[in-house]
Amino acid sequence: MAYNIMSTKPSRRRKSGFTLVELLVALGIGLLMLTALGGLTFYSGRSFAAMANYVDLDTKSRSALDRMSSEIRQTQYLMEATDTKLVFRDADGGKLTYTYNASTRKLIRSKNDVSDRKPLLTECNSLKFSIFQRNPIVGTYDQYPSATPDTCKLVQLRWVCSRDLIQAKRNTESVQSAKIVIRQQ
C-alpha cells in the first residue's frame, strides 16, 4: 500500500506580496475613488452653503415685508413718495418713513425722523416703491397708477437682495414683491 502524501509547504508564489502591476492597479482604483469622494464632498458643501444662504436671505426679506405690510396698512395716508422713499402719517399722528440707500444697499425705517438702530433690510441690490389707486384696471389684476400721494391707496414694494457666496453670486438671490392697501384712506 502506497500513500500519497501532499506537501503542506506553501509555494513560493503564495509567500510573496503584491506584484508591482497589482499594486499600481490598486493605487489607481483607490485614487479614482478618493477623487470622486472629494468632488462629491466639495459639491455637497457648496450646495448646502448656497441653500443656507438663500434661506437666511429669504427669512430676512419676509420679516421686513411682514413688518412693512403691518405698519403701512395701519397708516392714515401717504405724505410723500419717490421710487426709493415713502413717508406716511402713522396711526398715532407721527411720521413713518422708509428710505432705500442704493450705495449702502440698506432699507432704513424711521419714526418721527429718528432712524432705527438696525436697518430693516440689508444686502439689497435694488428696491422700488410704486403708488397706485385702489380701483383695478378692467380685465386685469393691475391698479391705476397714482399721480400724487393724495390719490394713493395702494403701495407696491419690490426688491432684490443677494449675497456673495464663495466669491460669486450664485443661488443667493431673494426677490420680494407685494401690494399693500392703506386701510385708513
N, C-alpha and C. Protein backbone atom coordinates (compact mmCIF):
# COMPACT_ATOMS: atom_id res chain seq x y z
N MET A 1 0.80 -1.16 0.00
CA MET A 1 0.00 0.00 0.00
C MET A 1 0.86 1.25 0.00
N ALA A 2 0.63 2.03 -0.97
CA ALA A 2 1.40 3.28 -1.09
C ALA A 2 0.53 4.47 -0.75
N TYR A 3 1.06 5.29 0.03
CA TYR A 3 0.34 6.52 0.41
C TYR A 3 0.89 7.69 -0.35
N ASN A 4 -0.04 8.52 -0.80
CA ASN A 4 0.35 9.74 -1.49
C ASN A 4 0.32 10.87 -0.47
N ILE A 5 1.41 11.38 -0.12
CA ILE A 5 1.49 12.43 0.89
C ILE A 5 1.69 13.76 0.17
N MET A 6 0.79 14.66 0.51
CA MET A 6 0.90 16.00 -0.08
C MET A 6 1.72 16.88 0.83
N SER A 7 2.41 17.75 0.22
CA SER A 7 3.22 18.66 1.00
C SER A 7 2.35 19.82 1.46
N THR A 8 2.46 20.19 2.69
CA THR A 8 1.73 21.34 3.22
C THR A 8 2.56 22.60 3.18
N LYS A 9 3.67 22.50 2.60
CA LYS A 9 4.55 23.65 2.48
C LYS A 9 4.02 24.56 1.36
N PRO A 10 3.72 25.87 1.68
CA PRO A 10 3.19 26.76 0.65
C PRO A 10 4.20 27.01 -0.46
N SER A 11 3.67 27.24 -1.61
CA SER A 11 4.55 27.51 -2.74
C SER A 11 5.17 28.90 -2.60
N ARG A 12 6.19 29.13 -3.36
CA ARG A 12 6.92 30.40 -3.32
C ARG A 12 6.00 31.56 -3.70
N ARG A 13 5.07 31.35 -4.62
CA ARG A 13 4.18 32.41 -5.08
C ARG A 13 3.27 32.87 -3.96
N ARG A 14 2.79 31.99 -3.11
CA ARG A 14 1.91 32.37 -2.01
C ARG A 14 2.65 33.17 -0.96
N LYS A 15 3.88 33.02 -0.82
CA LYS A 15 4.65 33.76 0.17
C LYS A 15 4.85 35.21 -0.23
N SER A 16 4.92 35.47 -1.49
CA SER A 16 5.22 36.84 -1.93
C SER A 16 4.01 37.74 -1.78
N GLY A 17 4.23 39.12 -1.73
CA GLY A 17 3.16 40.11 -1.61
C GLY A 17 2.60 40.44 -2.98
N PHE A 18 2.13 41.66 -3.10
CA PHE A 18 1.58 42.11 -4.37
C PHE A 18 2.68 42.26 -5.39
N THR A 19 2.33 42.01 -6.62
CA THR A 19 3.27 42.33 -7.69
C THR A 19 3.17 43.81 -7.97
N LEU A 20 4.10 44.36 -8.66
CA LEU A 20 4.10 45.78 -8.97
C LEU A 20 2.86 46.17 -9.77
N VAL A 21 2.44 45.36 -10.69
CA VAL A 21 1.25 45.65 -11.50
C VAL A 21 0.00 45.68 -10.63
N GLU A 22 -0.13 44.70 -9.73
CA GLU A 22 -1.28 44.65 -8.84
C GLU A 22 -1.31 45.89 -7.92
N LEU A 23 -0.16 46.28 -7.44
CA LEU A 23 -0.07 47.45 -6.57
C LEU A 23 -0.47 48.72 -7.33
N LEU A 24 -0.01 48.89 -8.54
CA LEU A 24 -0.36 50.08 -9.34
C LEU A 24 -1.85 50.12 -9.66
N VAL A 25 -2.44 48.98 -9.98
CA VAL A 25 -3.88 48.93 -10.26
C VAL A 25 -4.68 49.31 -9.01
N ALA A 26 -4.29 48.76 -7.86
CA ALA A 26 -4.98 49.07 -6.60
C ALA A 26 -4.84 50.55 -6.26
N LEU A 27 -3.66 51.11 -6.43
CA LEU A 27 -3.47 52.54 -6.18
C LEU A 27 -4.30 53.40 -7.13
N GLY A 28 -4.36 53.01 -8.38
CA GLY A 28 -5.16 53.75 -9.36
C GLY A 28 -6.64 53.75 -9.01
N ILE A 29 -7.18 52.60 -8.64
CA ILE A 29 -8.59 52.49 -8.26
C ILE A 29 -8.85 53.30 -6.99
N GLY A 30 -7.95 53.21 -6.02
CA GLY A 30 -8.10 53.97 -4.78
C GLY A 30 -8.07 55.47 -5.03
N LEU A 31 -7.17 55.91 -5.90
CA LEU A 31 -7.08 57.33 -6.24
C LEU A 31 -8.34 57.82 -6.93
N LEU A 32 -8.88 57.03 -7.84
CA LEU A 32 -10.14 57.40 -8.51
C LEU A 32 -11.28 57.52 -7.51
N MET A 33 -11.34 56.60 -6.55
CA MET A 33 -12.40 56.65 -5.54
C MET A 33 -12.25 57.87 -4.64
N LEU A 34 -11.03 58.18 -4.24
CA LEU A 34 -10.80 59.36 -3.41
C LEU A 34 -11.12 60.66 -4.17
N THR A 35 -10.79 60.71 -5.45
CA THR A 35 -11.11 61.88 -6.26
C THR A 35 -12.62 62.06 -6.38
N ALA A 36 -13.33 61.00 -6.63
CA ALA A 36 -14.79 61.06 -6.72
C ALA A 36 -15.41 61.50 -5.39
N LEU A 37 -14.92 60.95 -4.30
CA LEU A 37 -15.41 61.31 -2.97
C LEU A 37 -15.11 62.78 -2.65
N GLY A 38 -13.93 63.25 -3.01
CA GLY A 38 -13.57 64.65 -2.79
C GLY A 38 -14.46 65.60 -3.59
N GLY A 39 -14.71 65.26 -4.85
CA GLY A 39 -15.59 66.08 -5.69
C GLY A 39 -17.01 66.12 -5.16
N LEU A 40 -17.51 64.99 -4.71
CA LEU A 40 -18.85 64.92 -4.15
C LEU A 40 -18.95 65.74 -2.86
N THR A 41 -17.93 65.64 -2.03
CA THR A 41 -17.91 66.41 -0.78
C THR A 41 -17.89 67.91 -1.06
N PHE A 42 -17.05 68.35 -2.00
CA PHE A 42 -16.97 69.76 -2.36
C PHE A 42 -18.31 70.26 -2.92
N TYR A 43 -18.88 69.53 -3.84
CA TYR A 43 -20.16 69.92 -4.44
C TYR A 43 -21.27 69.97 -3.39
N SER A 44 -21.33 68.98 -2.52
CA SER A 44 -22.36 68.95 -1.47
C SER A 44 -22.19 70.12 -0.51
N GLY A 45 -20.98 70.39 -0.11
CA GLY A 45 -20.72 71.51 0.80
C GLY A 45 -21.13 72.84 0.19
N ARG A 46 -20.80 73.04 -1.07
CA ARG A 46 -21.17 74.28 -1.76
C ARG A 46 -22.68 74.39 -1.90
N SER A 47 -23.35 73.29 -2.19
CA SER A 47 -24.81 73.30 -2.32
C SER A 47 -25.48 73.60 -0.99
N PHE A 48 -25.00 72.99 0.09
CA PHE A 48 -25.58 73.25 1.40
C PHE A 48 -25.35 74.70 1.82
N ALA A 49 -24.19 75.25 1.53
CA ALA A 49 -23.91 76.65 1.87
C ALA A 49 -24.82 77.58 1.08
N ALA A 50 -25.04 77.30 -0.20
CA ALA A 50 -25.93 78.13 -1.01
C ALA A 50 -27.36 78.05 -0.51
N MET A 51 -27.80 76.88 -0.12
CA MET A 51 -29.16 76.71 0.38
C MET A 51 -29.34 77.45 1.70
N ALA A 52 -28.39 77.32 2.60
CA ALA A 52 -28.47 78.02 3.89
C ALA A 52 -28.45 79.53 3.68
N ASN A 53 -27.64 80.00 2.74
CA ASN A 53 -27.57 81.42 2.41
C ASN A 53 -28.90 81.92 1.87
N TYR A 54 -29.49 81.16 0.98
CA TYR A 54 -30.78 81.54 0.40
C TYR A 54 -31.87 81.60 1.48
N VAL A 55 -31.89 80.62 2.35
CA VAL A 55 -32.90 80.59 3.42
C VAL A 55 -32.74 81.80 4.33
N ASP A 56 -31.51 82.15 4.66
CA ASP A 56 -31.26 83.32 5.51
C ASP A 56 -31.73 84.60 4.83
N LEU A 57 -31.39 84.79 3.55
CA LEU A 57 -31.84 85.98 2.82
C LEU A 57 -33.36 86.04 2.73
N ASP A 58 -33.97 84.93 2.42
CA ASP A 58 -35.43 84.89 2.28
C ASP A 58 -36.12 85.17 3.61
N THR A 59 -35.58 84.65 4.69
CA THR A 59 -36.16 84.90 6.02
C THR A 59 -36.10 86.38 6.37
N LYS A 60 -34.97 87.01 6.11
CA LYS A 60 -34.83 88.44 6.40
C LYS A 60 -35.75 89.27 5.52
N SER A 61 -35.88 88.91 4.24
CA SER A 61 -36.77 89.64 3.34
C SER A 61 -38.23 89.50 3.77
N ARG A 62 -38.63 88.32 4.12
CA ARG A 62 -40.01 88.10 4.56
C ARG A 62 -40.31 88.84 5.86
N SER A 63 -39.35 88.86 6.75
CA SER A 63 -39.53 89.58 8.01
C SER A 63 -39.72 91.07 7.76
N ALA A 64 -38.89 91.64 6.89
CA ALA A 64 -39.02 93.06 6.54
C ALA A 64 -40.36 93.33 5.87
N LEU A 65 -40.76 92.46 4.96
CA LEU A 65 -42.03 92.63 4.27
C LEU A 65 -43.21 92.53 5.23
N ASP A 66 -43.17 91.59 6.15
CA ASP A 66 -44.25 91.46 7.14
C ASP A 66 -44.37 92.70 8.00
N ARG A 67 -43.25 93.21 8.45
CA ARG A 67 -43.28 94.41 9.29
C ARG A 67 -43.81 95.61 8.52
N MET A 68 -43.30 95.80 7.30
CA MET A 68 -43.76 96.94 6.49
C MET A 68 -45.25 96.82 6.16
N SER A 69 -45.69 95.63 5.81
CA SER A 69 -47.11 95.43 5.49
C SER A 69 -47.99 95.80 6.67
N SER A 70 -47.62 95.32 7.83
CA SER A 70 -48.40 95.60 9.03
C SER A 70 -48.46 97.10 9.32
N GLU A 71 -47.32 97.77 9.22
CA GLU A 71 -47.27 99.20 9.53
C GLU A 71 -47.96 100.05 8.47
N ILE A 72 -47.77 99.74 7.20
CA ILE A 72 -48.37 100.54 6.13
C ILE A 72 -49.88 100.41 6.14
N ARG A 73 -50.40 99.24 6.40
CA ARG A 73 -51.86 99.06 6.46
C ARG A 73 -52.50 99.94 7.53
N GLN A 74 -51.77 100.20 8.60
CA GLN A 74 -52.33 100.97 9.72
C GLN A 74 -52.10 102.48 9.61
N THR A 75 -51.37 102.93 8.59
CA THR A 75 -51.13 104.38 8.46
C THR A 75 -52.41 105.10 8.05
N GLN A 76 -52.42 106.43 8.28
CA GLN A 76 -53.58 107.24 7.90
C GLN A 76 -53.56 107.57 6.41
N TYR A 77 -52.39 108.04 5.92
CA TYR A 77 -52.26 108.37 4.50
C TYR A 77 -50.80 108.54 4.13
N LEU A 78 -50.55 108.58 2.83
CA LEU A 78 -49.20 108.77 2.29
C LEU A 78 -48.95 110.26 2.12
N MET A 79 -47.83 110.74 2.65
CA MET A 79 -47.50 112.16 2.56
C MET A 79 -46.56 112.46 1.39
N GLU A 80 -45.59 111.57 1.15
CA GLU A 80 -44.57 111.80 0.14
C GLU A 80 -44.13 110.46 -0.44
N ALA A 81 -43.86 110.44 -1.75
CA ALA A 81 -43.43 109.19 -2.37
C ALA A 81 -42.46 109.43 -3.52
N THR A 82 -41.38 108.64 -3.52
CA THR A 82 -40.46 108.56 -4.66
C THR A 82 -40.20 107.07 -4.89
N ASP A 83 -39.35 106.76 -5.85
CA ASP A 83 -39.03 105.35 -6.12
C ASP A 83 -38.28 104.70 -4.97
N THR A 84 -37.60 105.52 -4.14
CA THR A 84 -36.78 104.96 -3.07
C THR A 84 -37.18 105.46 -1.67
N LYS A 85 -38.26 106.23 -1.57
CA LYS A 85 -38.64 106.77 -0.27
C LYS A 85 -40.15 106.89 -0.16
N LEU A 86 -40.69 106.47 0.99
CA LEU A 86 -42.11 106.64 1.30
C LEU A 86 -42.22 107.30 2.67
N VAL A 87 -43.10 108.30 2.77
CA VAL A 87 -43.35 108.98 4.04
C VAL A 87 -44.85 108.92 4.31
N PHE A 88 -45.23 108.35 5.45
CA PHE A 88 -46.63 108.18 5.82
C PHE A 88 -46.95 108.98 7.08
N ARG A 89 -48.24 109.34 7.23
CA ARG A 89 -48.76 109.81 8.52
C ARG A 89 -49.23 108.54 9.22
N ASP A 90 -48.59 108.24 10.34
CA ASP A 90 -48.87 106.99 11.05
C ASP A 90 -50.17 107.07 11.82
N ALA A 91 -50.65 105.96 12.31
CA ALA A 91 -51.91 105.88 13.04
C ALA A 91 -51.92 106.77 14.27
N ASP A 92 -50.74 106.96 14.89
CA ASP A 92 -50.66 107.81 16.09
C ASP A 92 -50.38 109.28 15.75
N GLY A 93 -50.40 109.63 14.46
CA GLY A 93 -50.18 111.01 14.03
C GLY A 93 -48.72 111.34 13.75
N GLY A 94 -47.81 110.40 14.04
CA GLY A 94 -46.39 110.62 13.77
C GLY A 94 -46.05 110.35 12.31
N LYS A 95 -44.78 110.56 12.00
CA LYS A 95 -44.31 110.37 10.63
C LYS A 95 -43.53 109.06 10.55
N LEU A 96 -43.92 108.21 9.60
CA LEU A 96 -43.27 106.92 9.37
C LEU A 96 -42.61 106.97 8.00
N THR A 97 -41.29 106.72 7.97
CA THR A 97 -40.53 106.85 6.72
C THR A 97 -39.75 105.57 6.44
N TYR A 98 -39.77 105.18 5.16
CA TYR A 98 -38.95 104.09 4.66
C TYR A 98 -38.06 104.67 3.57
N THR A 99 -36.73 104.52 3.73
CA THR A 99 -35.77 105.10 2.78
C THR A 99 -34.79 104.03 2.34
N TYR A 100 -34.62 103.89 1.03
CA TYR A 100 -33.65 102.95 0.48
C TYR A 100 -32.42 103.72 0.02
N ASN A 101 -31.25 103.28 0.46
CA ASN A 101 -29.99 103.89 0.05
C ASN A 101 -29.25 102.87 -0.82
N ALA A 102 -29.14 103.17 -2.12
CA ALA A 102 -28.54 102.23 -3.07
C ALA A 102 -27.05 102.04 -2.82
N SER A 103 -26.35 103.07 -2.35
CA SER A 103 -24.91 102.94 -2.15
C SER A 103 -24.57 102.02 -0.96
N THR A 104 -25.40 102.02 0.08
CA THR A 104 -25.16 101.12 1.22
C THR A 104 -25.96 99.83 1.12
N ARG A 105 -26.88 99.77 0.16
CA ARG A 105 -27.74 98.60 -0.07
C ARG A 105 -28.61 98.30 1.15
N LYS A 106 -29.13 99.36 1.80
CA LYS A 106 -29.93 99.18 3.01
C LYS A 106 -31.26 99.92 2.91
N LEU A 107 -32.27 99.33 3.52
CA LEU A 107 -33.58 99.96 3.68
C LEU A 107 -33.70 100.35 5.15
N ILE A 108 -33.91 101.64 5.37
CA ILE A 108 -33.95 102.19 6.72
C ILE A 108 -35.37 102.61 7.06
N ARG A 109 -35.81 102.27 8.25
CA ARG A 109 -37.11 102.69 8.77
C ARG A 109 -36.89 103.80 9.78
N SER A 110 -37.68 104.87 9.68
CA SER A 110 -37.58 105.98 10.63
C SER A 110 -38.97 106.29 11.16
N LYS A 111 -39.02 106.60 12.43
CA LYS A 111 -40.27 107.02 13.07
C LYS A 111 -40.03 108.39 13.66
N ASN A 112 -40.82 109.37 13.22
CA ASN A 112 -40.67 110.77 13.66
C ASN A 112 -39.23 111.25 13.47
N ASP A 113 -38.67 110.98 12.30
CA ASP A 113 -37.31 111.38 11.89
C ASP A 113 -36.19 110.78 12.74
N VAL A 114 -36.46 109.72 13.48
CA VAL A 114 -35.43 109.00 14.23
C VAL A 114 -35.31 107.61 13.61
N SER A 115 -34.14 107.35 13.02
CA SER A 115 -33.92 106.07 12.35
C SER A 115 -33.73 104.95 13.36
N ASP A 116 -34.22 103.77 12.98
CA ASP A 116 -33.97 102.58 13.80
C ASP A 116 -32.48 102.28 13.82
N ARG A 117 -31.99 101.72 14.92
CA ARG A 117 -30.57 101.39 15.02
C ARG A 117 -30.17 100.32 14.01
N LYS A 118 -31.05 99.37 13.77
CA LYS A 118 -30.77 98.27 12.86
C LYS A 118 -31.56 98.49 11.57
N PRO A 119 -30.92 98.39 10.41
CA PRO A 119 -31.65 98.55 9.14
C PRO A 119 -32.75 97.50 9.02
N LEU A 120 -33.82 97.87 8.35
CA LEU A 120 -34.92 96.94 8.13
C LEU A 120 -34.51 95.85 7.15
N LEU A 121 -33.66 96.21 6.19
CA LEU A 121 -33.22 95.27 5.16
C LEU A 121 -31.80 95.61 4.75
N THR A 122 -30.96 94.61 4.61
CA THR A 122 -29.58 94.81 4.16
C THR A 122 -29.33 93.96 2.92
N GLU A 123 -28.21 94.20 2.27
CA GLU A 123 -27.78 93.45 1.08
C GLU A 123 -28.83 93.51 -0.03
N CYS A 124 -29.42 94.67 -0.17
CA CYS A 124 -30.49 94.87 -1.15
C CYS A 124 -29.91 95.51 -2.41
N ASN A 125 -29.95 94.79 -3.52
CA ASN A 125 -29.38 95.29 -4.78
C ASN A 125 -30.25 96.35 -5.43
N SER A 126 -31.54 96.16 -5.37
CA SER A 126 -32.45 97.14 -5.96
C SER A 126 -33.75 97.14 -5.17
N LEU A 127 -34.37 98.31 -5.13
CA LEU A 127 -35.64 98.45 -4.44
C LEU A 127 -36.42 99.55 -5.14
N LYS A 128 -37.71 99.33 -5.29
CA LYS A 128 -38.55 100.34 -5.93
C LYS A 128 -39.91 100.35 -5.26
N PHE A 129 -40.35 101.56 -4.92
CA PHE A 129 -41.69 101.78 -4.41
C PHE A 129 -42.54 102.33 -5.54
N SER A 130 -43.76 101.87 -5.66
CA SER A 130 -44.71 102.40 -6.64
C SER A 130 -46.02 102.67 -5.92
N ILE A 131 -46.74 103.71 -6.38
CA ILE A 131 -48.02 104.01 -5.73
C ILE A 131 -49.15 103.90 -6.76
N PHE A 132 -50.32 103.45 -6.26
CA PHE A 132 -51.46 103.19 -7.13
C PHE A 132 -52.75 103.62 -6.44
N GLN A 133 -53.78 103.77 -7.25
CA GLN A 133 -55.13 103.92 -6.71
C GLN A 133 -55.62 102.51 -6.39
N ARG A 134 -56.69 102.42 -5.64
CA ARG A 134 -57.17 101.10 -5.24
C ARG A 134 -57.96 100.40 -6.35
N ASN A 135 -58.65 101.14 -7.18
CA ASN A 135 -59.52 100.51 -8.18
C ASN A 135 -58.71 99.84 -9.30
N PRO A 136 -59.09 98.62 -9.66
CA PRO A 136 -58.34 97.87 -10.68
C PRO A 136 -58.69 98.29 -12.10
N ILE A 137 -57.75 98.06 -13.00
CA ILE A 137 -57.98 98.26 -14.43
C ILE A 137 -58.85 97.11 -14.89
N VAL A 138 -59.89 97.40 -15.66
CA VAL A 138 -60.85 96.39 -16.08
C VAL A 138 -60.15 95.27 -16.86
N GLY A 139 -60.46 94.02 -16.48
CA GLY A 139 -59.93 92.85 -17.17
C GLY A 139 -58.52 92.45 -16.74
N THR A 140 -57.97 93.11 -15.74
CA THR A 140 -56.62 92.77 -15.26
C THR A 140 -56.60 92.75 -13.73
N TYR A 141 -55.47 92.37 -13.21
CA TYR A 141 -55.27 92.43 -11.76
C TYR A 141 -54.46 93.66 -11.38
N ASP A 142 -54.19 94.53 -12.33
CA ASP A 142 -53.40 95.74 -12.08
C ASP A 142 -54.30 96.88 -11.63
N GLN A 143 -53.69 97.85 -10.94
CA GLN A 143 -54.40 99.04 -10.50
C GLN A 143 -53.92 100.24 -11.30
N TYR A 144 -54.74 101.30 -11.28
CA TYR A 144 -54.36 102.53 -11.95
C TYR A 144 -53.23 103.19 -11.17
N PRO A 145 -52.19 103.64 -11.88
CA PRO A 145 -51.12 104.36 -11.19
C PRO A 145 -51.65 105.65 -10.56
N SER A 146 -51.06 106.01 -9.45
CA SER A 146 -51.46 107.22 -8.76
C SER A 146 -50.46 108.31 -9.12
N ALA A 147 -50.98 109.48 -9.50
CA ALA A 147 -50.10 110.58 -9.89
C ALA A 147 -49.53 111.29 -8.67
N THR A 148 -50.27 111.35 -7.60
CA THR A 148 -49.82 112.07 -6.40
C THR A 148 -50.07 111.21 -5.16
N PRO A 149 -49.37 111.52 -4.07
CA PRO A 149 -49.62 110.80 -2.82
C PRO A 149 -51.05 110.98 -2.31
N ASP A 150 -51.70 112.08 -2.66
CA ASP A 150 -53.07 112.33 -2.20
C ASP A 150 -54.06 111.28 -2.72
N THR A 151 -53.83 110.78 -3.92
CA THR A 151 -54.74 109.79 -4.51
C THR A 151 -54.28 108.35 -4.29
N CYS A 152 -53.19 108.16 -3.58
CA CYS A 152 -52.63 106.83 -3.36
C CYS A 152 -53.43 106.07 -2.31
N LYS A 153 -53.80 104.85 -2.66
CA LYS A 153 -54.48 103.97 -1.72
C LYS A 153 -53.80 102.60 -1.65
N LEU A 154 -52.80 102.41 -2.51
CA LEU A 154 -52.10 101.13 -2.58
C LEU A 154 -50.62 101.39 -2.87
N VAL A 155 -49.76 100.70 -2.16
CA VAL A 155 -48.31 100.85 -2.33
C VAL A 155 -47.74 99.50 -2.76
N GLN A 156 -46.90 99.53 -3.79
CA GLN A 156 -46.22 98.31 -4.21
C GLN A 156 -44.75 98.40 -3.83
N LEU A 157 -44.25 97.32 -3.24
CA LEU A 157 -42.85 97.20 -2.85
C LEU A 157 -42.23 96.09 -3.69
N ARG A 158 -41.05 96.37 -4.22
CA ARG A 158 -40.30 95.34 -4.97
C ARG A 158 -38.83 95.49 -4.64
N TRP A 159 -38.19 94.39 -4.25
CA TRP A 159 -36.75 94.45 -4.03
C TRP A 159 -36.10 93.13 -4.35
N VAL A 160 -34.80 93.23 -4.60
CA VAL A 160 -33.97 92.06 -4.86
C VAL A 160 -32.76 92.15 -3.94
N CYS A 161 -32.55 91.11 -3.17
CA CYS A 161 -31.39 91.04 -2.27
C CYS A 161 -30.50 89.89 -2.73
N SER A 162 -29.20 90.07 -2.57
CA SER A 162 -28.28 88.98 -2.89
C SER A 162 -27.06 89.10 -2.00
N ARG A 163 -26.33 88.01 -1.94
CA ARG A 163 -25.14 87.95 -1.10
C ARG A 163 -24.10 87.11 -1.82
N ASP A 164 -22.83 87.48 -1.66
CA ASP A 164 -21.74 86.69 -2.25
C ASP A 164 -21.60 85.37 -1.52
N LEU A 165 -21.43 84.33 -2.28
CA LEU A 165 -21.18 83.01 -1.73
C LEU A 165 -19.99 82.42 -2.45
N ILE A 166 -18.93 82.25 -1.74
CA ILE A 166 -17.68 81.71 -2.29
C ILE A 166 -17.25 82.54 -3.50
N GLN A 167 -17.11 83.82 -3.31
CA GLN A 167 -16.65 84.80 -4.30
C GLN A 167 -17.54 84.93 -5.54
N ALA A 168 -18.78 84.51 -5.48
CA ALA A 168 -19.67 84.66 -6.62
C ALA A 168 -21.11 84.70 -6.14
N LYS A 169 -21.95 85.42 -6.88
CA LYS A 169 -23.36 85.45 -6.56
C LYS A 169 -24.02 84.28 -7.27
N ARG A 170 -24.28 83.23 -6.51
CA ARG A 170 -24.95 82.09 -7.11
C ARG A 170 -25.98 81.54 -6.13
N ASN A 171 -27.19 81.37 -6.62
CA ASN A 171 -28.30 80.84 -5.83
C ASN A 171 -28.51 81.59 -4.52
N THR A 172 -28.19 82.88 -4.51
CA THR A 172 -28.29 83.63 -3.27
C THR A 172 -29.19 84.84 -3.43
N GLU A 173 -30.08 84.80 -4.38
CA GLU A 173 -30.92 85.95 -4.65
C GLU A 173 -32.31 85.71 -4.07
N SER A 174 -32.81 86.73 -3.40
CA SER A 174 -34.16 86.68 -2.84
C SER A 174 -34.94 87.85 -3.41
N VAL A 175 -36.07 87.56 -4.04
CA VAL A 175 -36.89 88.59 -4.67
C VAL A 175 -38.22 88.68 -3.92
N GLN A 176 -38.61 89.88 -3.56
CA GLN A 176 -39.88 90.10 -2.88
C GLN A 176 -40.68 91.15 -3.61
N SER A 177 -41.98 90.97 -3.65
CA SER A 177 -42.88 91.94 -4.24
C SER A 177 -44.23 91.82 -3.54
N ALA A 178 -44.82 92.97 -3.24
CA ALA A 178 -46.12 92.95 -2.58
C ALA A 178 -46.85 94.25 -2.86
N LYS A 179 -48.17 94.17 -2.88
CA LYS A 179 -49.02 95.36 -2.96
C LYS A 179 -49.75 95.45 -1.63
N ILE A 180 -49.65 96.62 -1.01
CA ILE A 180 -50.24 96.82 0.33
C ILE A 180 -51.26 97.94 0.26
N VAL A 181 -52.45 97.66 0.75
CA VAL A 181 -53.53 98.65 0.74
C VAL A 181 -53.49 99.45 2.04
N ILE A 182 -53.60 100.77 1.91
CA ILE A 182 -53.69 101.64 3.09
C ILE A 182 -55.15 101.61 3.51
N ARG A 183 -55.43 101.01 4.64
CA ARG A 183 -56.83 100.78 5.06
C ARG A 183 -57.54 102.05 5.50
N GLN A 184 -56.84 102.97 6.11
CA GLN A 184 -57.48 104.16 6.66
C GLN A 184 -57.95 105.13 5.58
N GLN A 185 -57.33 105.10 4.43
CA GLN A 185 -57.63 106.09 3.40
C GLN A 185 -58.75 105.66 2.51
